[in-house]
């Protein structure tokens, strides 16, 4: 399997390489791809050294699969060029997610939608992935009517510039700003750019992508996305209203047997999900599971996941694994 990683020198690209190695993905030839300033740099993968190439050369090498994490403009221009040479592209940017002709995939939920004809496959937003991993089995059983979600998102979701900003602030150094305000000792209710309706793009991704992945446009979703000074891992406070009633013990039992979800829910001994514990792990963690006593058939959850792994790199590699295991590439 000839595999290209586009954006190999970026934060998500580096984690993709790590996940490919950890999961023993059948890479016979790795093609690390990055911007012009990184061409010629060396990447180490499974004790072998590979030179970074540019996008034009990578297309000419006709990889079987290309894992993209290089930004929306790059994906918009180059994903179709890879698809033209029969490469299957799995893209981490937002540009293809709401395209009606492209599949938006979380493997545990809807990988069975994929066919050999799908040459550009969209990876969902990190915040959406962790939420729907928990909500999909609940939706199947109780039918979700409405979701109210507030996110507490790591600076790593913004990228290396934001990580550098926090490091500078901790050290008392004035430097380039990823955000319009300091992030140290702060919380910014501002993830991505604001849309005309007053919501940010990040908030609207949670709305639109959730409906598409769960294949149900009747689900009402409203979101507030907040950036906080954690170095890794996104957290979410999620309130869900169902059409049907439930028992809390049945909710826990259902989530306990859901692949890719770990229940951490024992407040008596202070057991609940936190970014510090999710770091470097692929599961989505859920806790603080309790009935919303103000509203019928409603539930509160606290959901945490490593945004660079299941929220990005791991989900991308899992899609690739599904394609290979089902002879779709």
C-alpha atoms as a PDB file:
ATOM      1  CA  UNK A   1       0.000   0.000   0.000  1.00  0.00           C
ATOM      2  CA  UNK A   2       1.551   3.262  -1.202  1.00  0.00           C
ATOM      3  CA  UNK A   3       0.465   5.959   1.269  1.00  0.00           C
ATOM      4  CA  UNK A   4       0.917   9.732   1.008  1.00  0.00           C
ATOM      5  CA  UNK A   5       0.595  11.925   4.093  1.00  0.00           C
ATOM      6  CA  UNK A   6      -0.098  15.475   2.935  1.00  0.00           C
ATOM      7  CA  UNK A   7       0.891  17.914   5.644  1.00  0.00           C
ATOM      8  CA  UNK A   8       3.361  15.419   7.103  1.00  0.00           C
ATOM      9  CA  UNK A   9       5.336  18.067   9.015  1.00  0.00           C
ATOM     10  CA  UNK A  10       2.275  19.632  10.696  1.00  0.00           C
ATOM     11  CA  UNK A  11       0.784  18.775  14.096  1.00  0.00           C
ATOM     12  CA  UNK A  12      -1.868  16.372  12.779  1.00  0.00           C
ATOM     13  CA  UNK A  13       0.444  14.993  10.082  1.00  0.00           C
ATOM     14  CA  UNK A  14       3.012  14.000  12.678  1.00  0.00           C
ATOM     15  CA  UNK A  15       0.334  12.226  14.711  1.00  0.00           C
ATOM     16  CA  UNK A  16      -0.933  10.490  11.546  1.00  0.00           C
ATOM     17  CA  UNK A  17       2.536   9.024  10.993  1.00  0.00           C
ATOM     18  CA  UNK A  18       2.628   7.890  14.614  1.00  0.00           C
ATOM     19  CA  UNK A  19      -0.812   6.263  14.375  1.00  0.00           C
ATOM     20  CA  UNK A  20       0.024   4.525  11.070  1.00  0.00           C
ATOM     21  CA  UNK A  21       3.072   2.990  12.765  1.00  0.00           C
ATOM     22  CA  UNK A  22       1.271   2.063  16.001  1.00  0.00           C
ATOM     23  CA  UNK A  23      -1.571   0.329  14.164  1.00  0.00           C
ATOM     24  CA  UNK A  24       0.762  -1.431  11.724  1.00  0.00           C
ATOM     25  CA  UNK A  25      -1.070  -0.050   8.719  1.00  0.00           C
ATOM     26  CA  UNK A  26       0.241  -1.893   5.621  1.00  0.00           C
ATOM     27  CA  UNK A  27       2.490   0.873   4.295  1.00  0.00           C
ATOM     28  CA  UNK A  28       4.881  -0.482   1.666  1.00  0.00           C
ATOM     29  CA  UNK A  29       5.932   2.975   0.530  1.00  0.00           C
ATOM     30  CA  UNK A  30       5.464   6.219   2.446  1.00  0.00           C
ATOM     31  CA  UNK A  31       5.228   9.536   0.610  1.00  0.00           C
ATOM     32  CA  UNK A  32       5.537  12.430   3.070  1.00  0.00           C
ATOM     33  CA  UNK A  33       4.210  15.607   1.447  1.00  0.00           C
ATOM     34  CA  UNK A  34       4.465  19.193   2.663  1.00  0.00           C
ATOM     35  CA  UNK A  35       4.747  22.782   1.499  1.00  0.00           C
ATOM     36  CA  UNK A  36       7.684  24.011  -0.571  1.00  0.00           C
ATOM     37  CA  UNK A  37       9.640  25.213   2.460  1.00  0.00           C
ATOM     38  CA  UNK A  38       9.691  21.640   3.842  1.00  0.00           C
ATOM     39  CA  UNK A  39      10.642  19.829   0.612  1.00  0.00           C
ATOM     40  CA  UNK A  40      13.797  17.794   1.135  1.00  0.00           C
ATOM     41  CA  UNK A  41      13.394  17.497   4.893  1.00  0.00           C
ATOM     42  CA  UNK A  42      13.709  13.980   6.238  1.00  0.00           C
ATOM     43  CA  UNK A  43      10.948  12.080   8.041  1.00  0.00           C
ATOM     44  CA  UNK A  44      11.570   8.953  10.082  1.00  0.00           C
ATOM     45  CA  UNK A  45       8.885   6.283   9.849  1.00  0.00           C
ATOM     46  CA  UNK A  46       9.324   2.782  11.296  1.00  0.00           C
ATOM     47  CA  UNK A  47      13.119   3.086  11.334  1.00  0.00           C
ATOM     48  CA  UNK A  48      13.299   4.229   7.720  1.00  0.00           C
ATOM     49  CA  UNK A  49      14.077   7.713   6.452  1.00  0.00           C
ATOM     50  CA  UNK A  50      11.925   9.363   3.786  1.00  0.00           C
ATOM     51  CA  UNK A  51      12.422  12.709   2.074  1.00  0.00           C
ATOM     52  CA  UNK A  52       9.520  15.169   2.016  1.00  0.00           C
ATOM     53  CA  UNK A  53       8.239  15.844  -1.509  1.00  0.00           C
ATOM     54  CA  UNK A  54       5.959  18.488  -3.003  1.00  0.00           C
ATOM     55  CA  UNK A  55       2.367  17.994  -4.104  1.00  0.00           C
ATOM     56  CA  UNK A  56       3.137  17.799  -7.841  1.00  0.00           C
ATOM     57  CA  UNK A  57       5.648  14.993  -7.355  1.00  0.00           C
ATOM     58  CA  UNK A  58       3.319  13.179  -4.969  1.00  0.00           C
ATOM     59  CA  UNK A  59       0.519  13.105  -7.557  1.00  0.00           C
ATOM     60  CA  UNK A  60       2.930  11.704 -10.157  1.00  0.00           C
ATOM     61  CA  UNK A  61       3.798   8.890  -7.716  1.00  0.00           C
ATOM     62  CA  UNK A  62       0.125   7.784  -7.757  1.00  0.00           C
ATOM     63  CA  UNK A  63      -0.332   6.690  -4.132  1.00  0.00           C
ATOM     64  CA  UNK A  64      -3.129   4.255  -3.293  1.00  0.00           C
ATOM     65  CA  UNK A  65      -4.272   6.434  -0.387  1.00  0.00           C
ATOM     66  CA  UNK A  66      -3.544  10.065   0.485  1.00  0.00           C
ATOM     67  CA  UNK A  67      -4.209  11.266   4.023  1.00  0.00           C
ATOM     68  CA  UNK A  68      -4.676  15.057   3.888  1.00  0.00           C
ATOM     69  CA  UNK A  69      -4.128  17.463   6.758  1.00  0.00           C
ATOM     70  CA  UNK A  70      -2.850  20.564   5.019  1.00  0.00           C
ATOM     71  CA  UNK A  71      -5.710  23.069   5.187  1.00  0.00           C
ATOM     72  CA  UNK A  72      -8.830  23.713   3.159  1.00  0.00           C
ATOM     73  CA  UNK A  73      -7.306  25.574   0.205  1.00  0.00           C
ATOM     74  CA  UNK A  74      -4.739  22.823  -0.373  1.00  0.00           C
ATOM     75  CA  UNK A  75      -7.444  20.152  -0.198  1.00  0.00           C
ATOM     76  CA  UNK A  76      -9.746  22.034  -2.528  1.00  0.00           C
ATOM     77  CA  UNK A  77      -7.022  22.347  -5.174  1.00  0.00           C
ATOM     78  CA  UNK A  78      -5.155  19.074  -4.790  1.00  0.00           C
ATOM     79  CA  UNK A  79      -7.583  16.392  -3.590  1.00  0.00           C
ATOM     80  CA  UNK A  80      -9.274  16.237  -7.049  1.00  0.00           C
ATOM     81  CA  UNK A  81      -5.848  15.932  -8.714  1.00  0.00           C
ATOM     82  CA  UNK A  82      -5.020  12.902  -6.590  1.00  0.00           C
ATOM     83  CA  UNK A  83      -8.497  11.460  -7.235  1.00  0.00           C
ATOM     84  CA  UNK A  84      -7.899  11.813 -10.991  1.00  0.00           C
ATOM     85  CA  UNK A  85      -4.971   9.366 -10.751  1.00  0.00           C
ATOM     86  CA  UNK A  86      -7.183   6.918  -8.767  1.00  0.00           C
ATOM     87  CA  UNK A  87      -5.806   7.830  -5.345  1.00  0.00           C
ATOM     88  CA  UNK A  88      -8.364   7.649  -2.540  1.00  0.00           C
ATOM     89  CA  UNK A  89      -8.136  10.872  -0.521  1.00  0.00           C
ATOM     90  CA  UNK A  90      -9.182  11.050   3.139  1.00  0.00           C
ATOM     91  CA  UNK A  91      -9.315  14.725   3.990  1.00  0.00           C
ATOM     92  CA  UNK A  92      -9.143  16.394   7.398  1.00  0.00           C
ATOM     93  CA  UNK A  93     -10.162  19.894   6.311  1.00  0.00           C
ATOM     94  CA  UNK A  94     -13.723  21.209   6.326  1.00  0.00           C
ATOM     95  CA  UNK A  95     -14.018  21.884   2.581  1.00  0.00           C
ATOM     96  CA  UNK A  96     -15.609  18.579   1.516  1.00  0.00           C
ATOM     97  CA  UNK A  97     -17.625  17.752   4.635  1.00  0.00           C
ATOM     98  CA  UNK A  98     -20.942  19.243   3.595  1.00  0.00           C
ATOM     99  CA  UNK A  99     -20.571  18.435  -0.112  1.00  0.00           C
ATOM    100  CA  UNK A 100     -23.650  16.266  -0.846  1.00  0.00           C
ATOM    101  CA  UNK A 101     -21.520  14.054  -3.099  1.00  0.00           C
ATOM    102  CA  UNK A 102     -18.890  13.330  -0.413  1.00  0.00           C
ATOM    103  CA  UNK A 103     -19.215  10.933   2.531  1.00  0.00           C
ATOM    104  CA  UNK A 104     -18.535  12.257   6.049  1.00  0.00           C
ATOM    105  CA  UNK A 105     -17.272   9.257   7.978  1.00  0.00           C
ATOM    106  CA  UNK A 106     -16.799   8.103  11.550  1.00  0.00           C
ATOM    107  CA  UNK A 107     -15.962   4.408  10.964  1.00  0.00           C
ATOM    108  CA  UNK A 108     -17.792   3.058  14.033  1.00  0.00           C
ATOM    109  CA  UNK A 109     -20.975   4.810  12.882  1.00  0.00           C
ATOM    110  CA  UNK A 110     -21.258   4.961   9.091  1.00  0.00           C
ATOM    111  CA  UNK A 111     -18.260   3.382   7.315  1.00  0.00           C
ATOM    112  CA  UNK A 112     -20.693   1.000   5.592  1.00  0.00           C
ATOM    113  CA  UNK A 113     -21.655   3.930   3.317  1.00  0.00           C
ATOM    114  CA  UNK A 114     -18.272   3.747   1.578  1.00  0.00           C
ATOM    115  CA  UNK A 115     -17.790   2.285  -1.889  1.00  0.00           C
ATOM    116  CA  UNK A 116     -14.943   2.020  -4.397  1.00  0.00           C
ATOM    117  CA  UNK A 117     -16.344   5.077  -6.150  1.00  0.00           C
ATOM    118  CA  UNK A 118     -15.600   7.329  -3.162  1.00  0.00           C
ATOM    119  CA  UNK A 119     -12.303   8.940  -4.105  1.00  0.00           C
ATOM    120  CA  UNK A 120     -12.556  11.943  -1.750  1.00  0.00           C
ATOM    121  CA  UNK A 121     -13.769  11.071   1.760  1.00  0.00           C
ATOM    122  CA  UNK A 122     -14.254  13.723   4.437  1.00  0.00           C
ATOM    123  CA  UNK A 123     -13.044  13.344   8.016  1.00  0.00           C
ATOM    124  CA  UNK A 124     -15.367  15.229  10.411  1.00  0.00           C
ATOM    125  CA  UNK A 125     -14.461  18.037  12.772  1.00  0.00           C
ATOM    126  CA  UNK A 126     -12.713  16.875  15.962  1.00  0.00           C
ATOM    127  CA  UNK A 127     -15.467  18.175  18.252  1.00  0.00           C
ATOM    128  CA  UNK A 128     -18.157  16.508  16.168  1.00  0.00           C
ATOM    129  CA  UNK A 129     -16.395  13.129  16.125  1.00  0.00           C
ATOM    130  CA  UNK A 130     -16.164  12.785  19.894  1.00  0.00           C
ATOM    131  CA  UNK A 131     -19.778  13.893  20.394  1.00  0.00           C
ATOM    132  CA  UNK A 132     -21.348  11.573  17.809  1.00  0.00           C
ATOM    133  CA  UNK A 133     -19.263   8.613  19.004  1.00  0.00           C
ATOM    134  CA  UNK A 134     -21.230   8.825  22.264  1.00  0.00           C
ATOM    135  CA  UNK A 135     -24.560   9.977  20.834  1.00  0.00           C
ATOM    136  CA  UNK A 136     -24.932   7.572  17.882  1.00  0.00           C
ATOM    137  CA  UNK A 137     -25.828   4.479  19.963  1.00  0.00           C
ATOM    138  CA  UNK A 138     -28.164   6.585  22.119  1.00  0.00           C
ATOM    139  CA  UNK A 139     -29.858   8.025  19.020  1.00  0.00           C
ATOM    140  CA  UNK A 140     -30.393   4.526  17.622  1.00  0.00           C
ATOM    141  CA  UNK A 141     -32.202   3.463  20.788  1.00  0.00           C
ATOM    142  CA  UNK A 142     -33.959   6.590  22.102  1.00  0.00           C
ATOM    143  CA  UNK A 143     -34.108   8.984  19.075  1.00  0.00           C
ATOM    144  CA  UNK A 144     -32.516  12.364  19.716  1.00  0.00           C
ATOM    145  CA  UNK A 145     -34.730  15.450  19.412  1.00  0.00           C
ATOM    146  CA  UNK A 146     -32.321  18.182  20.505  1.00  0.00           C
ATOM    147  CA  UNK A 147     -28.678  18.675  21.498  1.00  0.00           C
ATOM    148  CA  UNK A 148     -27.237  21.632  23.432  1.00  0.00           C
ATOM    149  CA  UNK A 149     -23.438  21.473  23.474  1.00  0.00           C
ATOM    150  CA  UNK A 150     -20.747  23.720  24.940  1.00  0.00           C
ATOM    151  CA  UNK A 151     -17.169  22.847  24.046  1.00  0.00           C
ATOM    152  CA  UNK A 152     -13.941  23.561  25.914  1.00  0.00           C
ATOM    153  CA  UNK A 153     -11.317  23.169  23.221  1.00  0.00           C
ATOM    154  CA  UNK A 154      -7.554  22.838  23.404  1.00  0.00           C
ATOM    155  CA  UNK A 155      -5.218  25.298  21.720  1.00  0.00           C
ATOM    156  CA  UNK A 156      -3.777  22.339  19.762  1.00  0.00           C
ATOM    157  CA  UNK A 157      -6.948  22.456  17.672  1.00  0.00           C
ATOM    158  CA  UNK A 158      -5.788  25.804  16.299  1.00  0.00           C
ATOM    159  CA  UNK A 159      -2.290  24.555  15.433  1.00  0.00           C
ATOM    160  CA  UNK A 160       1.363  25.255  16.109  1.00  0.00           C
ATOM    161  CA  UNK A 161       0.926  29.038  16.131  1.00  0.00           C
ATOM    162  CA  UNK A 162      -1.486  28.787  19.087  1.00  0.00           C
ATOM    163  CA  UNK A 163       0.769  26.365  20.954  1.00  0.00           C
ATOM    164  CA  UNK A 164       3.593  28.852  20.495  1.00  0.00           C
ATOM    165  CA  UNK A 165       1.394  31.717  21.741  1.00  0.00           C
ATOM    166  CA  UNK A 166       0.630  29.905  24.999  1.00  0.00           C
ATOM    167  CA  UNK A 167       4.283  28.944  25.497  1.00  0.00           C
ATOM    168  CA  UNK A 168       5.314  32.566  24.960  1.00  0.00           C
ATOM    169  CA  UNK A 169       2.719  33.828  27.418  1.00  0.00           C
ATOM    170  CA  UNK A 170       3.784  31.311  30.059  1.00  0.00           C
ATOM    171  CA  UNK A 171       7.367  32.477  29.607  1.00  0.00           C
ATOM    172  CA  UNK A 172       6.454  36.177  29.586  1.00  0.00           C
ATOM    173  CA  UNK A 173       7.581  36.604  25.988  1.00  0.00           C
ATOM    174  CA  UNK A 174       5.753  38.854  23.496  1.00  0.00           C
ATOM    175  CA  UNK A 175       5.324  37.032  20.209  1.00  0.00           C
ATOM    176  CA  UNK A 176       3.016  36.273  17.300  1.00  0.00           C
ATOM    177  CA  UNK A 177      -0.634  35.888  18.324  1.00  0.00           C
ATOM    178  CA  UNK A 178      -2.888  33.121  17.027  1.00  0.00           C
ATOM    179  CA  UNK A 179      -5.844  34.653  18.888  1.00  0.00           C
ATOM    180  CA  UNK A 180      -7.093  38.244  19.252  1.00  0.00           C
ATOM    181  CA  UNK A 181      -6.488  38.027  23.032  1.00  0.00           C
ATOM    182  CA  UNK A 182      -4.119  36.234  25.415  1.00  0.00           C
ATOM    183  CA  UNK A 183      -5.081  32.585  25.999  1.00  0.00           C
ATOM    184  CA  UNK A 184      -3.136  32.014  29.239  1.00  0.00           C
ATOM    185  CA  UNK A 185      -5.505  32.371  32.239  1.00  0.00           C
ATOM    186  CA  UNK A 186      -8.317  33.012  29.774  1.00  0.00           C
ATOM    187  CA  UNK A 187     -11.236  31.423  27.938  1.00  0.00           C
ATOM    188  CA  UNK A 188     -12.185  32.664  24.473  1.00  0.00           C
ATOM    189  CA  UNK A 189     -15.795  32.097  23.302  1.00  0.00           C
ATOM    190  CA  UNK A 190     -14.450  32.280  19.773  1.00  0.00           C
ATOM    191  CA  UNK A 191     -13.386  29.171  17.805  1.00  0.00           C
ATOM    192  CA  UNK A 192     -12.879  29.888  14.082  1.00  0.00           C
ATOM    193  CA  UNK A 193     -14.533  32.872  12.381  1.00  0.00           C
ATOM    194  CA  UNK A 194     -17.996  34.280  13.062  1.00  0.00           C
ATOM    195  CA  UNK A 195     -20.747  33.626  10.527  1.00  0.00           C
ATOM    196  CA  UNK A 196     -23.612  36.005   9.680  1.00  0.00           C
ATOM    197  CA  UNK A 197     -25.917  34.322  12.224  1.00  0.00           C
ATOM    198  CA  UNK A 198     -23.601  35.197  15.124  1.00  0.00           C
ATOM    199  CA  UNK A 199     -22.321  31.647  15.538  1.00  0.00           C
ATOM    200  CA  UNK A 200     -18.737  30.646  14.737  1.00  0.00           C
ATOM    201  CA  UNK A 201     -17.865  28.177  11.996  1.00  0.00           C
ATOM    202  CA  UNK A 202     -16.831  25.690  14.696  1.00  0.00           C
ATOM    203  CA  UNK A 203     -20.273  25.925  16.291  1.00  0.00           C
ATOM    204  CA  UNK A 204     -22.058  25.458  12.976  1.00  0.00           C
ATOM    205  CA  UNK A 205     -19.861  22.462  12.125  1.00  0.00           C
ATOM    206  CA  UNK A 206     -21.271  20.754  15.224  1.00  0.00           C
ATOM    207  CA  UNK A 207     -24.783  21.455  13.937  1.00  0.00           C
ATOM    208  CA  UNK A 208     -24.410  20.486  10.283  1.00  0.00           C
ATOM    209  CA  UNK A 209     -21.958  17.595  10.620  1.00  0.00           C
ATOM    210  CA  UNK A 210     -23.916  15.905  13.415  1.00  0.00           C
ATOM    211  CA  UNK A 211     -27.064  15.876  11.283  1.00  0.00           C
ATOM    212  CA  UNK A 212     -25.152  14.486   8.294  1.00  0.00           C
ATOM    213  CA  UNK A 213     -23.283  11.740  10.192  1.00  0.00           C
ATOM    214  CA  UNK A 214     -26.386  10.591  12.086  1.00  0.00           C
ATOM    215  CA  UNK A 215     -28.381  10.955   8.833  1.00  0.00           C
ATOM    216  CA  UNK A 216     -31.169  12.886  10.518  1.00  0.00           C
ATOM    217  CA  UNK A 217     -31.853  16.540   9.705  1.00  0.00           C
ATOM    218  CA  UNK A 218     -34.671  16.664  12.260  1.00  0.00           C
ATOM    219  CA  UNK A 219     -32.141  16.699  15.148  1.00  0.00           C
ATOM    220  CA  UNK A 220     -31.994  20.249  16.541  1.00  0.00           C
ATOM    221  CA  UNK A 221     -28.451  21.229  17.571  1.00  0.00           C
ATOM    222  CA  UNK A 222     -27.201  24.437  19.163  1.00  0.00           C
ATOM    223  CA  UNK A 223     -23.573  24.993  20.175  1.00  0.00           C
ATOM    224  CA  UNK A 224     -21.175  27.333  21.938  1.00  0.00           C
ATOM    225  CA  UNK A 225     -17.467  26.672  21.313  1.00  0.00           C
ATOM    226  CA  UNK A 226     -14.845  27.985  23.738  1.00  0.00           C
ATOM    227  CA  UNK A 227     -11.035  27.905  23.465  1.00  0.00           C
ATOM    228  CA  UNK A 228      -9.211  27.194  26.738  1.00  0.00           C
ATOM    229  CA  UNK A 229      -5.475  27.041  27.608  1.00  0.00           C
ATOM    230  CA  UNK A 230      -5.096  23.249  27.670  1.00  0.00           C
ATOM    231  CA  UNK A 231      -2.335  21.831  25.498  1.00  0.00           C
ATOM    232  CA  UNK A 232      -4.302  18.832  24.240  1.00  0.00           C
ATOM    233  CA  UNK A 233      -7.797  17.325  24.404  1.00  0.00           C
ATOM    234  CA  UNK A 234     -11.255  18.767  23.831  1.00  0.00           C
ATOM    235  CA  UNK A 235     -14.056  18.612  26.429  1.00  0.00           C
ATOM    236  CA  UNK A 236     -17.785  18.980  25.875  1.00  0.00           C
ATOM    237  CA  UNK A 237     -20.802  19.546  28.093  1.00  0.00           C
ATOM    238  CA  UNK A 238     -23.668  17.911  26.196  1.00  0.00           C
ATOM    239  CA  UNK A 239     -27.369  18.085  27.008  1.00  0.00           C
ATOM    240  CA  UNK A 240     -29.554  15.706  24.988  1.00  0.00           C
ATOM    241  CA  UNK A 241     -33.330  15.511  24.745  1.00  0.00           C
ATOM    242  CA  UNK A 242     -34.765  12.211  23.462  1.00  0.00           C
ATOM    243  CA  UNK A 243     -38.175  11.309  22.068  1.00  0.00           C
ATOM    244  CA  UNK A 244     -38.253   8.252  24.318  1.00  0.00           C
ATOM    245  CA  UNK A 245     -37.602   7.908  28.023  1.00  0.00           C
ATOM    246  CA  UNK A 246     -34.593   6.027  29.396  1.00  0.00           C
ATOM    247  CA  UNK A 247     -33.046   4.577  32.529  1.00  0.00           C
ATOM    248  CA  UNK A 248     -29.622   5.912  33.527  1.00  0.00           C
ATOM    249  CA  UNK A 249     -28.317   2.371  34.098  1.00  0.00           C
ATOM    250  CA  UNK A 250     -29.366   1.426  30.553  1.00  0.00           C
ATOM    251  CA  UNK A 251     -27.505   4.474  29.184  1.00  0.00           C
ATOM    252  CA  UNK A 252     -24.346   3.421  31.028  1.00  0.00           C
ATOM    253  CA  UNK A 253     -24.692  -0.196  29.901  1.00  0.00           C
ATOM    254  CA  UNK A 254     -25.161   0.852  26.278  1.00  0.00           C
ATOM    255  CA  UNK A 255     -22.126   3.158  26.330  1.00  0.00           C
ATOM    256  CA  UNK A 256     -20.025   0.539  28.134  1.00  0.00           C
ATOM    257  CA  UNK A 257     -20.431  -1.833  25.189  1.00  0.00           C
ATOM    258  CA  UNK A 258     -19.863   0.820  22.494  1.00  0.00           C
ATOM    259  CA  UNK A 259     -16.566   0.296  20.634  1.00  0.00           C
ATOM    260  CA  UNK A 260     -14.235   3.269  20.978  1.00  0.00           C
ATOM    261  CA  UNK A 261     -16.051   4.703  24.010  1.00  0.00           C
ATOM    262  CA  UNK A 262     -14.835   4.429  27.620  1.00  0.00           C
ATOM    263  CA  UNK A 263     -17.174   5.263  30.483  1.00  0.00           C
ATOM    264  CA  UNK A 264     -15.491   7.084  33.387  1.00  0.00           C
ATOM    265  CA  UNK A 265     -18.358   7.845  35.711  1.00  0.00           C
ATOM    266  CA  UNK A 266     -17.967   7.436  39.446  1.00  0.00           C
ATOM    267  CA  UNK A 267     -18.279  10.829  41.146  1.00  0.00           C
ATOM    268  CA  UNK A 268     -18.081   9.186  44.597  1.00  0.00           C
ATOM    269  CA  UNK A 269     -14.359   8.674  44.026  1.00  0.00           C
ATOM    270  CA  UNK A 270     -13.863  11.638  41.648  1.00  0.00           C
ATOM    271  CA  UNK A 271     -13.773   9.554  38.465  1.00  0.00           C
ATOM    272  CA  UNK A 272     -14.744  11.556  35.386  1.00  0.00           C
ATOM    273  CA  UNK A 273     -13.148  12.315  31.999  1.00  0.00           C
ATOM    274  CA  UNK A 274     -10.434  14.959  31.751  1.00  0.00           C
ATOM    275  CA  UNK A 275      -8.081  16.001  28.916  1.00  0.00           C
ATOM    276  CA  UNK A 276      -5.042  15.059  31.001  1.00  0.00           C
ATOM    277  CA  UNK A 277      -6.189  11.408  30.974  1.00  0.00           C
ATOM    278  CA  UNK A 278      -7.383  11.363  27.343  1.00  0.00           C
ATOM    279  CA  UNK A 279      -4.011  12.588  26.052  1.00  0.00           C
ATOM    280  CA  UNK A 280      -2.412  10.113  23.638  1.00  0.00           C
ATOM    281  CA  UNK A 281      -5.398   7.746  23.697  1.00  0.00           C
ATOM    282  CA  UNK A 282      -7.779   6.848  20.884  1.00  0.00           C
ATOM    283  CA  UNK A 283     -10.987   6.302  22.839  1.00  0.00           C
ATOM    284  CA  UNK A 284     -13.657   8.885  23.542  1.00  0.00           C
ATOM    285  CA  UNK A 285     -14.313   9.217  27.280  1.00  0.00           C
ATOM    286  CA  UNK A 286     -17.742   9.940  28.762  1.00  0.00           C
ATOM    287  CA  UNK A 287     -18.836  10.640  32.319  1.00  0.00           C
ATOM    288  CA  UNK A 288     -20.992  12.870  34.565  1.00  0.00           C
ATOM    289  CA  UNK A 289     -23.905  10.852  33.138  1.00  0.00           C
ATOM    290  CA  UNK A 290     -27.054  12.165  34.794  1.00  0.00           C
ATOM    291  CA  UNK A 291     -30.686  12.888  34.085  1.00  0.00           C
ATOM    292  CA  UNK A 292     -31.605  16.504  33.332  1.00  0.00           C
ATOM    293  CA  UNK A 293     -34.188  17.057  36.044  1.00  0.00           C
ATOM    294  CA  UNK A 294     -35.492  20.249  34.417  1.00  0.00           C
ATOM    295  CA  UNK A 295     -36.749  18.608  31.224  1.00  0.00           C
ATOM    296  CA  UNK A 296     -38.466  15.277  30.358  1.00  0.00           C
ATOM    297  CA  UNK A 297     -36.432  12.559  28.578  1.00  0.00           C
ATOM    298  CA  UNK A 298     -33.240  14.611  28.858  1.00  0.00           C
ATOM    299  CA  UNK A 299     -29.673  13.697  29.750  1.00  0.00           C
ATOM    300  CA  UNK A 300     -26.424  15.480  30.645  1.00  0.00           C
ATOM    301  CA  UNK A 301     -23.026  14.124  29.592  1.00  0.00           C
ATOM    302  CA  UNK A 302     -19.379  15.224  29.795  1.00  0.00           C
ATOM    303  CA  UNK A 303     -17.348  14.009  26.796  1.00  0.00           C
ATOM    304  CA  UNK A 304     -13.560  14.245  26.394  1.00  0.00           C
ATOM    305  CA  UNK A 305     -11.185  13.088  23.665  1.00  0.00           C
ATOM    306  CA  UNK A 306      -7.686  13.717  22.316  1.00  0.00           C
ATOM    307  CA  UNK A 307      -8.498  16.028  19.408  1.00  0.00           C
ATOM    308  CA  UNK A 308      -5.323  15.185  17.486  1.00  0.00           C
ATOM    309  CA  UNK A 309      -5.952  11.429  17.667  1.00  0.00           C
ATOM    310  CA  UNK A 310      -9.596  10.262  17.454  1.00  0.00           C
ATOM    311  CA  UNK A 311     -10.537  13.829  16.556  1.00  0.00           C
ATOM    312  CA  UNK A 312      -8.220  13.816  13.529  1.00  0.00           C
ATOM    313  CA  UNK A 313      -5.373  11.372  12.849  1.00  0.00           C
ATOM    314  CA  UNK A 314      -6.812   8.150  14.285  1.00  0.00           C
ATOM    315  CA  UNK A 315     -10.216   8.578  12.660  1.00  0.00           C
ATOM    316  CA  UNK A 316      -8.480   9.203   9.314  1.00  0.00           C
ATOM    317  CA  UNK A 317      -6.362   6.052   9.633  1.00  0.00           C
ATOM    318  CA  UNK A 318      -9.408   4.029  10.722  1.00  0.00           C
ATOM    319  CA  UNK A 319     -11.188   5.082   7.531  1.00  0.00           C
ATOM    320  CA  UNK A 320      -8.144   3.911   5.547  1.00  0.00           C
ATOM    321  CA  UNK A 321      -8.158   0.603   7.442  1.00  0.00           C
ATOM    322  CA  UNK A 322     -11.820   0.071   6.590  1.00  0.00           C
ATOM    323  CA  UNK A 323     -11.119   0.708   2.898  1.00  0.00           C
ATOM    324  CA  UNK A 324      -8.229  -1.775   2.871  1.00  0.00           C
ATOM    325  CA  UNK A 325     -10.033  -4.453   4.910  1.00  0.00           C
ATOM    326  CA  UNK A 326     -13.053  -4.289   2.604  1.00  0.00           C
ATOM    327  CA  UNK A 327     -11.077  -4.131  -0.667  1.00  0.00           C
ATOM    328  CA  UNK A 328     -12.397  -0.653  -1.488  1.00  0.00           C
ATOM    329  CA  UNK A 329      -9.025   0.754  -2.528  1.00  0.00           C
END
